[in-house]
Amino acid sequence: MAQTFATNFWHRMTGSISRRSHEPEQYTCAGETPEIGDKYAQAAQGAPVWIVENVLSVTASQYPLVRLTRENHPDLMKIVSLSTLADKQEFIRA
């Protein structure tokens, strides 16, 4: 039920306010844009690995938003800003 709510919310939010920006500096200032299937781990010891499900630009955020699902637990999802993934103190590419 929680996954259904989160998924429906994600689709409503991105469907209603998404607009692809053609300004390249929006992406480059946060680092490289991740691809679907890329894996990131939180920098803490023993932290879970997260897989990129999609990347979407929305008008409500300066940076694109990245939807992640937890490796081996696809029912767990989180949405973070691209700037958060670019922060090497927070996430590392796995």
N, C-alpha and C. Protein backbone atom coordinates (compact mmCIF):
# COMPACT_ATOMS: atom_id res chain seq x y z
N MET A 1 0.82 -1.19 0.00
CA MET A 1 0.00 0.00 0.00
C MET A 1 0.87 1.27 0.00
N ALA A 2 1.92 1.27 0.85
CA ALA A 2 2.79 2.45 0.91
C ALA A 2 3.52 2.66 -0.41
N GLN A 3 3.95 1.55 -1.04
CA GLN A 3 4.63 1.70 -2.32
C GLN A 3 3.67 2.24 -3.37
N THR A 4 2.44 1.78 -3.37
CA THR A 4 1.44 2.26 -4.32
C THR A 4 1.21 3.75 -4.13
N PHE A 5 1.08 4.19 -2.89
CA PHE A 5 0.89 5.60 -2.61
C PHE A 5 2.08 6.42 -3.09
N ALA A 6 3.30 5.95 -2.76
CA ALA A 6 4.51 6.68 -3.15
C ALA A 6 4.65 6.72 -4.67
N THR A 7 4.37 5.62 -5.33
CA THR A 7 4.46 5.58 -6.79
C THR A 7 3.43 6.49 -7.42
N ASN A 8 2.20 6.46 -6.93
CA ASN A 8 1.15 7.33 -7.46
C ASN A 8 1.51 8.80 -7.22
N PHE A 9 2.03 9.11 -6.04
CA PHE A 9 2.43 10.48 -5.74
C PHE A 9 3.53 10.93 -6.69
N TRP A 10 4.53 10.06 -6.91
CA TRP A 10 5.64 10.38 -7.82
C TRP A 10 5.11 10.69 -9.22
N HIS A 11 4.22 9.85 -9.72
CA HIS A 11 3.68 10.06 -11.07
C HIS A 11 2.84 11.33 -11.14
N ARG A 12 2.06 11.62 -10.12
CA ARG A 12 1.26 12.85 -10.11
C ARG A 12 2.17 14.07 -10.06
N MET A 13 3.17 14.02 -9.19
CA MET A 13 4.06 15.17 -9.02
C MET A 13 4.84 15.43 -10.30
N THR A 14 5.46 14.42 -10.85
CA THR A 14 6.30 14.62 -12.03
C THR A 14 5.46 14.86 -13.27
N GLY A 15 4.29 14.29 -13.35
CA GLY A 15 3.44 14.49 -14.51
C GLY A 15 2.85 15.89 -14.56
N SER A 16 2.59 16.47 -13.41
CA SER A 16 1.92 17.77 -13.41
C SER A 16 2.89 18.95 -13.47
N ILE A 17 4.10 18.80 -12.95
CA ILE A 17 4.98 19.96 -12.92
C ILE A 17 6.30 19.73 -13.62
N SER A 18 6.45 18.61 -14.31
CA SER A 18 7.74 18.37 -14.97
C SER A 18 7.87 19.20 -16.23
N ARG A 19 9.08 19.65 -16.43
CA ARG A 19 9.41 20.39 -17.64
C ARG A 19 10.91 20.25 -17.82
N ARG A 20 11.32 19.65 -18.92
CA ARG A 20 12.74 19.42 -19.19
C ARG A 20 13.44 20.74 -19.43
N SER A 21 14.49 20.99 -18.72
CA SER A 21 15.26 22.21 -18.90
C SER A 21 16.32 21.99 -19.97
N HIS A 22 16.54 22.99 -20.79
CA HIS A 22 17.56 22.89 -21.82
C HIS A 22 18.80 23.67 -21.42
N GLU A 23 18.92 23.99 -20.14
CA GLU A 23 20.08 24.72 -19.65
C GLU A 23 21.10 23.71 -19.13
N PRO A 24 22.21 23.49 -19.83
CA PRO A 24 23.16 22.46 -19.41
C PRO A 24 23.81 22.75 -18.07
N GLU A 25 23.95 24.02 -17.68
CA GLU A 25 24.59 24.31 -16.41
C GLU A 25 23.79 23.79 -15.22
N GLN A 26 22.51 23.58 -15.41
CA GLN A 26 21.69 23.05 -14.32
C GLN A 26 22.18 21.66 -13.92
N TYR A 27 22.63 20.88 -14.89
CA TYR A 27 23.09 19.53 -14.62
C TYR A 27 24.56 19.49 -14.24
N THR A 28 25.37 20.27 -14.92
CA THR A 28 26.80 20.18 -14.71
C THR A 28 27.24 20.74 -13.36
N CYS A 29 26.49 21.66 -12.78
CA CYS A 29 26.93 22.21 -11.50
C CYS A 29 26.76 21.20 -10.38
N ALA A 30 25.92 20.18 -10.56
CA ALA A 30 25.76 19.15 -9.54
C ALA A 30 26.63 17.93 -9.83
N GLY A 31 27.31 17.91 -10.97
CA GLY A 31 28.09 16.74 -11.36
C GLY A 31 27.40 16.05 -12.51
N GLU A 32 27.89 14.88 -12.86
CA GLU A 32 27.32 14.18 -14.00
C GLU A 32 25.95 13.59 -13.65
N THR A 33 25.08 13.54 -14.63
CA THR A 33 23.75 13.00 -14.44
C THR A 33 23.82 11.48 -14.41
N PRO A 34 23.25 10.84 -13.40
CA PRO A 34 23.30 9.38 -13.34
C PRO A 34 22.38 8.75 -14.39
N GLU A 35 22.70 7.54 -14.78
CA GLU A 35 21.91 6.77 -15.74
C GLU A 35 21.04 5.79 -14.97
N ILE A 36 19.95 5.37 -15.60
CA ILE A 36 19.09 4.36 -15.00
C ILE A 36 19.91 3.09 -14.79
N GLY A 37 19.82 2.53 -13.60
CA GLY A 37 20.57 1.31 -13.27
C GLY A 37 21.86 1.58 -12.53
N ASP A 38 22.32 2.84 -12.49
CA ASP A 38 23.53 3.16 -11.72
C ASP A 38 23.28 2.87 -10.25
N LYS A 39 24.34 2.48 -9.55
CA LYS A 39 24.20 2.14 -8.13
C LYS A 39 24.97 3.14 -7.29
N TYR A 40 24.36 3.53 -6.19
CA TYR A 40 24.96 4.44 -5.22
C TYR A 40 24.80 3.84 -3.83
N ALA A 41 25.82 4.03 -3.01
CA ALA A 41 25.74 3.60 -1.61
C ALA A 41 25.90 4.84 -0.75
N GLN A 42 25.21 4.83 0.37
CA GLN A 42 25.42 5.92 1.30
C GLN A 42 26.81 5.76 1.90
N ALA A 43 27.44 6.86 2.20
CA ALA A 43 28.85 6.85 2.61
C ALA A 43 29.09 6.15 3.95
N ALA A 44 28.09 5.98 4.76
CA ALA A 44 28.26 5.34 6.07
C ALA A 44 28.62 3.86 5.91
N GLN A 45 29.39 3.36 6.84
CA GLN A 45 29.81 1.97 6.85
C GLN A 45 28.60 1.03 6.89
N GLY A 46 28.54 0.08 5.98
CA GLY A 46 27.46 -0.90 5.96
C GLY A 46 26.12 -0.36 5.48
N ALA A 47 26.12 0.80 4.85
CA ALA A 47 24.88 1.41 4.37
C ALA A 47 24.36 0.64 3.14
N PRO A 48 23.06 0.70 2.90
CA PRO A 48 22.49 -0.02 1.75
C PRO A 48 22.89 0.61 0.42
N VAL A 49 22.75 -0.19 -0.63
CA VAL A 49 23.01 0.26 -1.99
C VAL A 49 21.67 0.61 -2.63
N TRP A 50 21.65 1.74 -3.35
CA TRP A 50 20.44 2.22 -4.01
C TRP A 50 20.66 2.23 -5.52
N ILE A 51 19.62 1.88 -6.28
CA ILE A 51 19.68 1.81 -7.74
C ILE A 51 18.82 2.92 -8.33
N VAL A 52 19.37 3.63 -9.32
CA VAL A 52 18.65 4.72 -9.98
C VAL A 52 17.52 4.14 -10.83
N GLU A 53 16.29 4.58 -10.56
CA GLU A 53 15.13 4.16 -11.34
C GLU A 53 14.81 5.15 -12.45
N ASN A 54 14.88 6.44 -12.14
CA ASN A 54 14.72 7.47 -13.17
C ASN A 54 15.22 8.82 -12.65
N VAL A 55 15.44 9.72 -13.60
CA VAL A 55 15.91 11.08 -13.30
C VAL A 55 14.96 12.01 -14.02
N LEU A 56 14.45 13.00 -13.30
CA LEU A 56 13.46 13.88 -13.89
C LEU A 56 13.65 15.31 -13.42
N SER A 57 13.58 16.24 -14.35
CA SER A 57 13.62 17.66 -13.99
C SER A 57 12.22 18.13 -13.64
N VAL A 58 12.12 18.87 -12.56
CA VAL A 58 10.84 19.45 -12.15
C VAL A 58 11.06 20.93 -11.86
N THR A 59 10.03 21.71 -12.05
CA THR A 59 10.16 23.14 -11.83
C THR A 59 10.34 23.49 -10.36
N ALA A 60 9.94 22.61 -9.46
CA ALA A 60 10.02 22.89 -8.04
C ALA A 60 11.42 22.70 -7.47
N SER A 61 12.35 22.19 -8.27
CA SER A 61 13.69 21.93 -7.78
C SER A 61 14.72 22.50 -8.75
N GLN A 62 15.76 23.10 -8.21
CA GLN A 62 16.83 23.65 -9.05
C GLN A 62 17.56 22.52 -9.77
N TYR A 63 17.70 21.37 -9.12
CA TYR A 63 18.38 20.22 -9.69
C TYR A 63 17.35 19.14 -10.03
N PRO A 64 17.67 18.27 -10.98
CA PRO A 64 16.78 17.14 -11.26
C PRO A 64 16.61 16.26 -10.03
N LEU A 65 15.49 15.57 -9.94
CA LEU A 65 15.24 14.63 -8.86
C LEU A 65 15.54 13.23 -9.35
N VAL A 66 16.08 12.41 -8.45
CA VAL A 66 16.46 11.06 -8.78
C VAL A 66 15.67 10.11 -7.89
N ARG A 67 14.95 9.17 -8.53
CA ARG A 67 14.21 8.16 -7.76
C ARG A 67 15.08 6.93 -7.64
N LEU A 68 15.30 6.50 -6.40
CA LEU A 68 16.16 5.35 -6.10
C LEU A 68 15.34 4.25 -5.45
N THR A 69 15.66 3.00 -5.77
CA THR A 69 15.09 1.87 -5.06
C THR A 69 16.24 1.10 -4.42
N ARG A 70 15.96 0.50 -3.29
CA ARG A 70 17.01 -0.21 -2.55
C ARG A 70 17.30 -1.55 -3.21
N GLU A 71 18.58 -1.84 -3.36
CA GLU A 71 18.99 -3.12 -3.93
C GLU A 71 18.49 -4.25 -3.04
N ASN A 72 17.92 -5.27 -3.65
CA ASN A 72 17.34 -6.44 -2.97
C ASN A 72 16.06 -6.13 -2.20
N HIS A 73 15.60 -4.89 -2.23
CA HIS A 73 14.33 -4.49 -1.59
C HIS A 73 13.63 -3.48 -2.49
N PRO A 74 13.12 -3.90 -3.65
CA PRO A 74 12.54 -2.94 -4.60
C PRO A 74 11.29 -2.22 -4.08
N ASP A 75 10.75 -2.68 -2.95
CA ASP A 75 9.59 -2.00 -2.37
C ASP A 75 10.00 -0.74 -1.60
N LEU A 76 11.30 -0.57 -1.33
CA LEU A 76 11.78 0.62 -0.63
C LEU A 76 12.29 1.62 -1.65
N MET A 77 11.82 2.86 -1.54
CA MET A 77 12.14 3.88 -2.52
C MET A 77 12.47 5.19 -1.81
N LYS A 78 13.34 5.98 -2.43
CA LYS A 78 13.60 7.33 -1.93
C LYS A 78 13.81 8.24 -3.13
N ILE A 79 13.50 9.49 -2.95
CA ILE A 79 13.68 10.50 -3.99
C ILE A 79 14.63 11.55 -3.43
N VAL A 80 15.72 11.78 -4.16
CA VAL A 80 16.72 12.75 -3.72
C VAL A 80 17.05 13.69 -4.87
N SER A 81 17.58 14.82 -4.54
CA SER A 81 18.04 15.78 -5.53
C SER A 81 19.36 15.29 -6.11
N LEU A 82 19.60 15.65 -7.36
CA LEU A 82 20.88 15.30 -7.99
C LEU A 82 22.04 15.88 -7.21
N SER A 83 21.84 17.04 -6.61
CA SER A 83 22.91 17.65 -5.81
C SER A 83 23.26 16.79 -4.60
N THR A 84 22.29 16.06 -4.06
CA THR A 84 22.55 15.16 -2.93
C THR A 84 23.41 13.99 -3.39
N LEU A 85 23.10 13.42 -4.56
CA LEU A 85 23.91 12.31 -5.08
C LEU A 85 25.33 12.77 -5.41
N ALA A 86 25.48 14.03 -5.80
CA ALA A 86 26.79 14.55 -6.15
C ALA A 86 27.66 14.82 -4.92
N ASP A 87 27.04 14.90 -3.74
CA ASP A 87 27.76 15.16 -2.49
C ASP A 87 28.50 13.89 -2.08
N LYS A 88 29.82 13.88 -2.23
CA LYS A 88 30.63 12.68 -1.94
C LYS A 88 30.64 12.31 -0.45
N GLN A 89 30.26 13.23 0.42
CA GLN A 89 30.17 12.91 1.83
C GLN A 89 28.89 12.14 2.15
N GLU A 90 27.90 12.26 1.26
CA GLU A 90 26.61 11.61 1.47
C GLU A 90 26.50 10.28 0.71
N PHE A 91 26.85 10.28 -0.58
CA PHE A 91 26.73 9.10 -1.43
C PHE A 91 28.02 8.85 -2.19
N ILE A 92 28.30 7.58 -2.41
CA ILE A 92 29.43 7.18 -3.27
C ILE A 92 28.88 6.26 -4.35
N ARG A 93 29.47 6.34 -5.53
CA ARG A 93 29.04 5.49 -6.64
C ARG A 93 29.53 4.07 -6.37
N ALA A 94 28.63 3.11 -6.44
CA ALA A 94 29.00 1.72 -6.15
C ALA A 94 29.27 0.94 -7.42
